[in-house]
Amino acid sequence: MRVVAADDDDGVRAALCALLDDDDRFEVVGQAVDGIEVLELVDRLAPDIVLLDVRMAGGGVEAAEAIRARGRNITMIAVSSALTSAVVAALLAAGVRGMFTKERLGLGWAGLVARCHSGEVILAVPTAAEGLRLFAQRQR
């Protein structure tokens, strides 16, 4: 699976890439520091998976919406230190399949990314339940 990782923090981005580089199922093909750069990489590299920092410049929600508008089958996964329930709902509406806090990254995380890519939705954030409720309300 070809991956683009987008985060404005060099250390976090390096950690995300290192966790996936250690797994033969993944190939990190690009890294971005903001929403504009991630869209350029999506267009140029056609990855299977995009990891998005929600608070980077250009915005993770906005980047997810733009990726979805491109009509490609790309698995989007949000990684953030804090996700409000409103942001969880917005990310779900944009087609994001996985949400993880940066503090929970570690062993086993690559497997969760692979599961998201296979179709599962994994919301490993404290605000997931409220975010799902808001998302469902918006869909009605």
N, C-alpha and C. Protein backbone atom coordinates (compact mmCIF):
# COMPACT_ATOMS: atom_id res chain seq x y z
N MET A 1 0.84 -1.17 0.00
CA MET A 1 0.00 0.00 0.00
C MET A 1 0.89 1.24 0.00
N ARG A 2 0.60 2.12 -0.93
CA ARG A 2 1.37 3.36 -1.07
C ARG A 2 0.77 4.45 -0.18
N VAL A 3 1.64 5.10 0.61
CA VAL A 3 1.18 6.03 1.63
C VAL A 3 1.81 7.41 1.45
N VAL A 4 0.98 8.45 1.66
CA VAL A 4 1.46 9.82 1.80
C VAL A 4 1.15 10.24 3.23
N ALA A 5 2.13 10.78 3.92
CA ALA A 5 1.96 11.24 5.30
C ALA A 5 2.05 12.76 5.33
N ALA A 6 1.03 13.40 5.94
CA ALA A 6 0.99 14.86 6.01
C ALA A 6 0.88 15.30 7.46
N ASP A 7 1.89 16.03 7.92
CA ASP A 7 1.90 16.60 9.26
C ASP A 7 2.89 17.74 9.27
N ASP A 8 2.56 18.83 9.94
CA ASP A 8 3.45 19.98 9.96
C ASP A 8 4.59 19.83 10.97
N ASP A 9 4.53 18.81 11.79
CA ASP A 9 5.60 18.53 12.76
C ASP A 9 6.53 17.48 12.18
N ASP A 10 7.77 17.87 11.93
CA ASP A 10 8.74 16.95 11.32
C ASP A 10 8.92 15.66 12.12
N GLY A 11 8.95 15.78 13.45
CA GLY A 11 9.14 14.61 14.30
C GLY A 11 7.98 13.64 14.23
N VAL A 12 6.76 14.17 14.24
CA VAL A 12 5.58 13.30 14.15
C VAL A 12 5.52 12.64 12.78
N ARG A 13 5.77 13.42 11.75
CA ARG A 13 5.76 12.86 10.40
C ARG A 13 6.79 11.76 10.26
N ALA A 14 7.98 11.97 10.80
CA ALA A 14 9.03 10.94 10.75
C ALA A 14 8.60 9.69 11.51
N ALA A 15 7.95 9.88 12.66
CA ALA A 15 7.49 8.73 13.45
C ALA A 15 6.42 7.95 12.70
N LEU A 16 5.47 8.64 12.07
CA LEU A 16 4.43 7.97 11.28
C LEU A 16 5.07 7.13 10.18
N CYS A 17 6.02 7.73 9.49
CA CYS A 17 6.68 7.03 8.38
C CYS A 17 7.49 5.84 8.89
N ALA A 18 8.18 6.01 10.00
CA ALA A 18 8.99 4.92 10.55
C ALA A 18 8.12 3.73 10.95
N LEU A 19 6.95 4.01 11.54
CA LEU A 19 6.05 2.92 11.94
C LEU A 19 5.57 2.12 10.73
N LEU A 20 5.36 2.80 9.62
CA LEU A 20 4.89 2.10 8.42
C LEU A 20 6.04 1.50 7.63
N ASP A 21 7.20 2.15 7.64
CA ASP A 21 8.35 1.62 6.91
C ASP A 21 8.80 0.27 7.46
N ASP A 22 8.52 0.02 8.73
CA ASP A 22 8.90 -1.25 9.35
C ASP A 22 7.97 -2.39 8.95
N ASP A 23 6.92 -2.10 8.19
CA ASP A 23 5.93 -3.09 7.80
C ASP A 23 5.97 -3.24 6.28
N ASP A 24 6.21 -4.46 5.80
CA ASP A 24 6.36 -4.72 4.37
C ASP A 24 5.12 -4.42 3.54
N ARG A 25 3.98 -4.27 4.19
CA ARG A 25 2.75 -3.98 3.44
C ARG A 25 2.70 -2.54 2.94
N PHE A 26 3.55 -1.68 3.49
CA PHE A 26 3.47 -0.25 3.21
C PHE A 26 4.73 0.27 2.52
N GLU A 27 4.52 1.27 1.68
CA GLU A 27 5.61 2.02 1.08
C GLU A 27 5.23 3.50 1.21
N VAL A 28 5.99 4.25 1.99
CA VAL A 28 5.75 5.69 2.11
C VAL A 28 6.34 6.34 0.86
N VAL A 29 5.45 6.91 0.03
CA VAL A 29 5.88 7.48 -1.24
C VAL A 29 5.98 8.99 -1.21
N GLY A 30 5.46 9.63 -0.16
CA GLY A 30 5.54 11.08 -0.09
C GLY A 30 5.22 11.60 1.29
N GLN A 31 5.73 12.80 1.56
CA GLN A 31 5.50 13.48 2.83
C GLN A 31 5.15 14.93 2.55
N ALA A 32 4.17 15.44 3.29
CA ALA A 32 3.71 16.81 3.12
C ALA A 32 3.66 17.52 4.47
N VAL A 33 3.82 18.84 4.41
CA VAL A 33 3.78 19.64 5.64
C VAL A 33 2.50 20.44 5.78
N ASP A 34 1.67 20.50 4.71
CA ASP A 34 0.42 21.25 4.79
C ASP A 34 -0.60 20.68 3.81
N GLY A 35 -1.81 21.24 3.88
CA GLY A 35 -2.90 20.76 3.04
C GLY A 35 -2.66 20.94 1.56
N ILE A 36 -2.03 22.02 1.18
CA ILE A 36 -1.76 22.27 -0.24
C ILE A 36 -0.78 21.23 -0.79
N GLU A 37 0.27 20.99 -0.04
CA GLU A 37 1.28 20.02 -0.48
C GLU A 37 0.71 18.60 -0.55
N VAL A 38 -0.14 18.24 0.40
CA VAL A 38 -0.70 16.89 0.37
C VAL A 38 -1.57 16.70 -0.87
N LEU A 39 -2.30 17.73 -1.27
CA LEU A 39 -3.13 17.61 -2.48
C LEU A 39 -2.26 17.47 -3.72
N GLU A 40 -1.16 18.19 -3.77
CA GLU A 40 -0.24 18.05 -4.90
C GLU A 40 0.32 16.63 -4.97
N LEU A 41 0.67 16.07 -3.80
CA LEU A 41 1.20 14.70 -3.77
C LEU A 41 0.13 13.67 -4.15
N VAL A 42 -1.09 13.88 -3.71
CA VAL A 42 -2.18 12.97 -4.06
C VAL A 42 -2.35 12.96 -5.58
N ASP A 43 -2.33 14.13 -6.19
CA ASP A 43 -2.50 14.21 -7.64
C ASP A 43 -1.33 13.58 -8.40
N ARG A 44 -0.14 13.79 -7.89
CA ARG A 44 1.06 13.32 -8.60
C ARG A 44 1.37 11.85 -8.33
N LEU A 45 1.15 11.38 -7.10
CA LEU A 45 1.61 10.04 -6.71
C LEU A 45 0.51 8.99 -6.63
N ALA A 46 -0.76 9.40 -6.63
CA ALA A 46 -1.89 8.47 -6.54
C ALA A 46 -1.70 7.41 -5.44
N PRO A 47 -1.57 7.86 -4.17
CA PRO A 47 -1.39 6.89 -3.09
C PRO A 47 -2.67 6.12 -2.79
N ASP A 48 -2.51 5.03 -2.07
CA ASP A 48 -3.64 4.25 -1.59
C ASP A 48 -4.18 4.81 -0.28
N ILE A 49 -3.26 5.37 0.52
CA ILE A 49 -3.59 5.85 1.87
C ILE A 49 -2.98 7.23 2.06
N VAL A 50 -3.73 8.12 2.71
CA VAL A 50 -3.21 9.43 3.10
C VAL A 50 -3.43 9.59 4.59
N LEU A 51 -2.35 9.90 5.30
CA LEU A 51 -2.41 10.20 6.72
C LEU A 51 -2.46 11.71 6.86
N LEU A 52 -3.45 12.24 7.57
CA LEU A 52 -3.66 13.68 7.66
C LEU A 52 -3.60 14.18 9.09
N ASP A 53 -2.77 15.17 9.31
CA ASP A 53 -2.79 15.91 10.56
C ASP A 53 -3.95 16.89 10.47
N VAL A 54 -4.80 16.93 11.46
CA VAL A 54 -5.99 17.76 11.41
C VAL A 54 -5.65 19.23 11.57
N ARG A 55 -4.62 19.56 12.32
CA ARG A 55 -4.32 20.96 12.63
C ARG A 55 -3.19 21.56 11.79
N MET A 56 -2.77 20.90 10.75
CA MET A 56 -1.72 21.46 9.91
C MET A 56 -2.26 22.65 9.11
N ALA A 57 -1.36 23.46 8.61
CA ALA A 57 -1.76 24.57 7.75
C ALA A 57 -2.52 24.02 6.55
N GLY A 58 -3.57 24.69 6.17
CA GLY A 58 -4.39 24.18 5.08
C GLY A 58 -5.47 23.24 5.56
N GLY A 59 -5.37 22.80 6.80
CA GLY A 59 -6.40 22.02 7.45
C GLY A 59 -6.60 20.60 6.98
N GLY A 60 -6.66 19.70 7.93
CA GLY A 60 -6.90 18.30 7.62
C GLY A 60 -8.30 18.04 7.10
N VAL A 61 -9.30 18.73 7.67
CA VAL A 61 -10.67 18.54 7.20
C VAL A 61 -10.80 19.03 5.77
N GLU A 62 -10.25 20.20 5.50
CA GLU A 62 -10.31 20.76 4.16
C GLU A 62 -9.58 19.88 3.15
N ALA A 63 -8.43 19.36 3.54
CA ALA A 63 -7.67 18.46 2.66
C ALA A 63 -8.47 17.18 2.39
N ALA A 64 -9.09 16.64 3.43
CA ALA A 64 -9.90 15.42 3.25
C ALA A 64 -11.07 15.68 2.30
N GLU A 65 -11.72 16.82 2.45
CA GLU A 65 -12.83 17.17 1.55
C GLU A 65 -12.34 17.29 0.11
N ALA A 66 -11.18 17.91 -0.08
CA ALA A 66 -10.63 18.08 -1.43
C ALA A 66 -10.21 16.74 -2.04
N ILE A 67 -9.67 15.85 -1.23
CA ILE A 67 -9.29 14.52 -1.71
C ILE A 67 -10.54 13.75 -2.12
N ARG A 68 -11.57 13.81 -1.30
CA ARG A 68 -12.82 13.12 -1.62
C ARG A 68 -13.42 13.68 -2.91
N ALA A 69 -13.35 15.00 -3.10
CA ALA A 69 -13.91 15.63 -4.30
C ALA A 69 -13.20 15.17 -5.57
N ARG A 70 -11.98 14.69 -5.43
CA ARG A 70 -11.23 14.21 -6.59
C ARG A 70 -11.77 12.87 -7.11
N GLY A 71 -12.62 12.21 -6.29
CA GLY A 71 -13.27 11.00 -6.72
C GLY A 71 -12.40 9.76 -6.77
N ARG A 72 -11.27 9.82 -6.09
CA ARG A 72 -10.38 8.66 -6.08
C ARG A 72 -10.68 7.80 -4.86
N ASN A 73 -10.36 6.53 -4.97
CA ASN A 73 -10.55 5.60 -3.87
C ASN A 73 -9.29 5.61 -3.00
N ILE A 74 -9.19 6.62 -2.15
CA ILE A 74 -8.03 6.78 -1.27
C ILE A 74 -8.50 6.65 0.17
N THR A 75 -7.84 5.81 0.92
CA THR A 75 -8.15 5.69 2.34
C THR A 75 -7.52 6.85 3.08
N MET A 76 -8.37 7.62 3.76
CA MET A 76 -7.87 8.76 4.53
C MET A 76 -7.96 8.44 6.01
N ILE A 77 -6.87 8.75 6.70
CA ILE A 77 -6.78 8.50 8.14
C ILE A 77 -6.29 9.78 8.80
N ALA A 78 -7.03 10.24 9.80
CA ALA A 78 -6.67 11.45 10.53
C ALA A 78 -5.87 11.08 11.77
N VAL A 79 -4.81 11.83 11.99
CA VAL A 79 -3.97 11.64 13.16
C VAL A 79 -3.81 13.01 13.82
N SER A 80 -4.21 13.12 15.07
CA SER A 80 -4.19 14.41 15.73
C SER A 80 -3.98 14.25 17.22
N SER A 81 -3.52 15.31 17.86
CA SER A 81 -3.37 15.26 19.30
C SER A 81 -4.68 15.57 20.00
N ALA A 82 -5.61 16.21 19.30
CA ALA A 82 -6.91 16.52 19.89
C ALA A 82 -7.95 16.67 18.79
N LEU A 83 -9.00 15.87 18.88
CA LEU A 83 -10.10 15.95 17.92
C LEU A 83 -11.39 16.23 18.67
N THR A 84 -12.03 17.35 18.37
CA THR A 84 -13.33 17.63 18.97
C THR A 84 -14.38 16.76 18.28
N SER A 85 -15.53 16.64 18.91
CA SER A 85 -16.60 15.86 18.31
C SER A 85 -17.06 16.48 16.99
N ALA A 86 -17.05 17.80 16.89
CA ALA A 86 -17.44 18.46 15.64
C ALA A 86 -16.46 18.12 14.52
N VAL A 87 -15.18 18.06 14.84
CA VAL A 87 -14.17 17.72 13.84
C VAL A 87 -14.31 16.25 13.44
N VAL A 88 -14.59 15.37 14.40
CA VAL A 88 -14.82 13.96 14.09
C VAL A 88 -15.97 13.84 13.09
N ALA A 89 -17.07 14.55 13.33
CA ALA A 89 -18.22 14.52 12.43
C ALA A 89 -17.85 15.04 11.05
N ALA A 90 -17.10 16.13 10.99
CA ALA A 90 -16.69 16.71 9.71
C ALA A 90 -15.76 15.76 8.95
N LEU A 91 -14.86 15.10 9.65
CA LEU A 91 -13.96 14.15 9.00
C LEU A 91 -14.72 12.94 8.46
N LEU A 92 -15.69 12.45 9.22
CA LEU A 92 -16.52 11.35 8.73
C LEU A 92 -17.28 11.77 7.47
N ALA A 93 -17.82 12.97 7.47
CA ALA A 93 -18.54 13.47 6.30
C ALA A 93 -17.61 13.59 5.09
N ALA A 94 -16.33 13.85 5.34
CA ALA A 94 -15.35 13.98 4.26
C ALA A 94 -14.84 12.62 3.78
N GLY A 95 -15.25 11.54 4.44
CA GLY A 95 -14.85 10.21 4.01
C GLY A 95 -13.67 9.60 4.73
N VAL A 96 -13.25 10.19 5.83
CA VAL A 96 -12.13 9.65 6.59
C VAL A 96 -12.55 8.34 7.26
N ARG A 97 -11.70 7.31 7.15
CA ARG A 97 -12.03 5.98 7.69
C ARG A 97 -11.38 5.66 9.02
N GLY A 98 -10.37 6.42 9.39
CA GLY A 98 -9.69 6.14 10.65
C GLY A 98 -9.31 7.42 11.34
N MET A 99 -9.37 7.43 12.65
CA MET A 99 -8.95 8.58 13.45
C MET A 99 -8.21 8.06 14.67
N PHE A 100 -7.02 8.60 14.84
CA PHE A 100 -6.15 8.16 15.93
C PHE A 100 -5.51 9.37 16.59
N THR A 101 -5.30 9.28 17.89
CA THR A 101 -4.56 10.32 18.58
C THR A 101 -3.07 10.02 18.43
N LYS A 102 -2.28 11.07 18.35
CA LYS A 102 -0.83 10.91 18.18
C LYS A 102 -0.22 10.18 19.37
N GLU A 103 -0.82 10.35 20.52
CA GLU A 103 -0.29 9.71 21.73
C GLU A 103 -0.45 8.20 21.72
N ARG A 104 -1.33 7.66 20.88
CA ARG A 104 -1.59 6.22 20.86
C ARG A 104 -0.89 5.49 19.74
N LEU A 105 -0.04 6.20 19.02
CA LEU A 105 0.70 5.55 17.94
C LEU A 105 1.76 4.64 18.54
N GLY A 106 1.99 3.54 17.91
CA GLY A 106 3.00 2.62 18.42
C GLY A 106 2.82 1.25 17.82
N LEU A 107 3.23 0.24 18.55
CA LEU A 107 3.12 -1.13 18.06
C LEU A 107 1.68 -1.46 17.73
N GLY A 108 1.48 -2.10 16.63
CA GLY A 108 0.14 -2.48 16.20
C GLY A 108 -0.56 -1.43 15.37
N TRP A 109 -0.02 -0.21 15.31
CA TRP A 109 -0.69 0.86 14.58
C TRP A 109 -0.74 0.57 13.08
N ALA A 110 0.32 0.01 12.53
CA ALA A 110 0.32 -0.31 11.10
C ALA A 110 -0.81 -1.28 10.76
N GLY A 111 -1.08 -2.20 11.63
CA GLY A 111 -2.19 -3.13 11.42
C GLY A 111 -3.53 -2.42 11.39
N LEU A 112 -3.68 -1.40 12.23
CA LEU A 112 -4.93 -0.63 12.23
C LEU A 112 -5.08 0.15 10.93
N VAL A 113 -3.97 0.68 10.41
CA VAL A 113 -3.99 1.39 9.13
C VAL A 113 -4.42 0.43 8.02
N ALA A 114 -3.87 -0.76 8.03
CA ALA A 114 -4.23 -1.77 7.02
C ALA A 114 -5.71 -2.13 7.12
N ARG A 115 -6.22 -2.25 8.33
CA ARG A 115 -7.63 -2.56 8.51
C ARG A 115 -8.52 -1.45 7.97
N CYS A 116 -8.13 -0.20 8.18
CA CYS A 116 -8.88 0.93 7.61
C CYS A 116 -8.87 0.82 6.09
N HIS A 117 -7.73 0.50 5.53
CA HIS A 117 -7.63 0.40 4.07
C HIS A 117 -8.49 -0.74 3.53
N SER A 118 -8.70 -1.77 4.32
CA SER A 118 -9.53 -2.89 3.87
C SER A 118 -11.02 -2.61 4.04
N GLY A 119 -11.37 -1.44 4.58
CA GLY A 119 -12.77 -1.06 4.66
C GLY A 119 -13.32 -0.79 6.04
N GLU A 120 -12.59 -1.14 7.07
CA GLU A 120 -13.06 -0.88 8.43
C GLU A 120 -12.97 0.60 8.75
N VAL A 121 -13.86 1.06 9.61
CA VAL A 121 -13.78 2.41 10.15
C VAL A 121 -13.33 2.25 11.60
N ILE A 122 -12.22 2.88 11.93
CA ILE A 122 -11.68 2.76 13.29
C ILE A 122 -11.53 4.17 13.86
N LEU A 123 -12.28 4.44 14.91
CA LEU A 123 -12.26 5.76 15.54
C LEU A 123 -11.70 5.61 16.95
N ALA A 124 -10.39 5.69 17.06
CA ALA A 124 -9.71 5.50 18.34
C ALA A 124 -9.39 6.85 18.97
N VAL A 125 -10.46 7.64 19.15
CA VAL A 125 -10.33 8.96 19.78
C VAL A 125 -11.41 9.09 20.85
N PRO A 126 -11.12 9.84 21.93
CA PRO A 126 -12.08 9.95 23.03
C PRO A 126 -13.42 10.58 22.64
N THR A 127 -13.44 11.38 21.58
CA THR A 127 -14.66 12.08 21.19
C THR A 127 -15.45 11.35 20.10
N ALA A 128 -15.12 10.09 19.85
CA ALA A 128 -15.74 9.33 18.76
C ALA A 128 -17.25 9.20 18.92
N ALA A 129 -17.74 8.85 20.08
CA ALA A 129 -19.17 8.62 20.26
C ALA A 129 -19.97 9.88 19.98
N GLU A 130 -19.55 10.98 20.54
CA GLU A 130 -20.25 12.25 20.31
C GLU A 130 -20.12 12.68 18.85
N GLY A 131 -18.96 12.47 18.26
CA GLY A 131 -18.76 12.79 16.85
C GLY A 131 -19.66 11.97 15.95
N LEU A 132 -19.82 10.69 16.25
CA LEU A 132 -20.75 9.85 15.49
C LEU A 132 -22.19 10.34 15.61
N ARG A 133 -22.57 10.75 16.81
CA ARG A 133 -23.92 11.27 17.02
C ARG A 133 -24.14 12.52 16.18
N LEU A 134 -23.17 13.44 16.18
CA LEU A 134 -23.28 14.67 15.37
C LEU A 134 -23.33 14.35 13.88
N PHE A 135 -22.50 13.40 13.46
CA PHE A 135 -22.49 12.99 12.05
C PHE A 135 -23.85 12.44 11.64
N ALA A 136 -24.43 11.57 12.47
CA ALA A 136 -25.73 10.98 12.17
C ALA A 136 -26.81 12.07 12.10
N GLN A 137 -26.76 13.04 13.00
CA GLN A 137 -27.74 14.14 12.96
C GLN A 137 -27.63 14.92 11.65
N ARG A 138 -26.43 15.17 11.20
CA ARG A 138 -26.22 15.93 9.97
C ARG A 138 -26.70 15.17 8.74
N GLN A 139 -26.66 13.84 8.82
CA GLN A 139 -27.05 13.02 7.68
C GLN A 139 -28.57 12.92 7.52
N ARG A 140 -29.29 13.23 8.55
CA ARG A 140 -30.77 13.12 8.52
C ARG A 140 -31.38 14.21 7.72
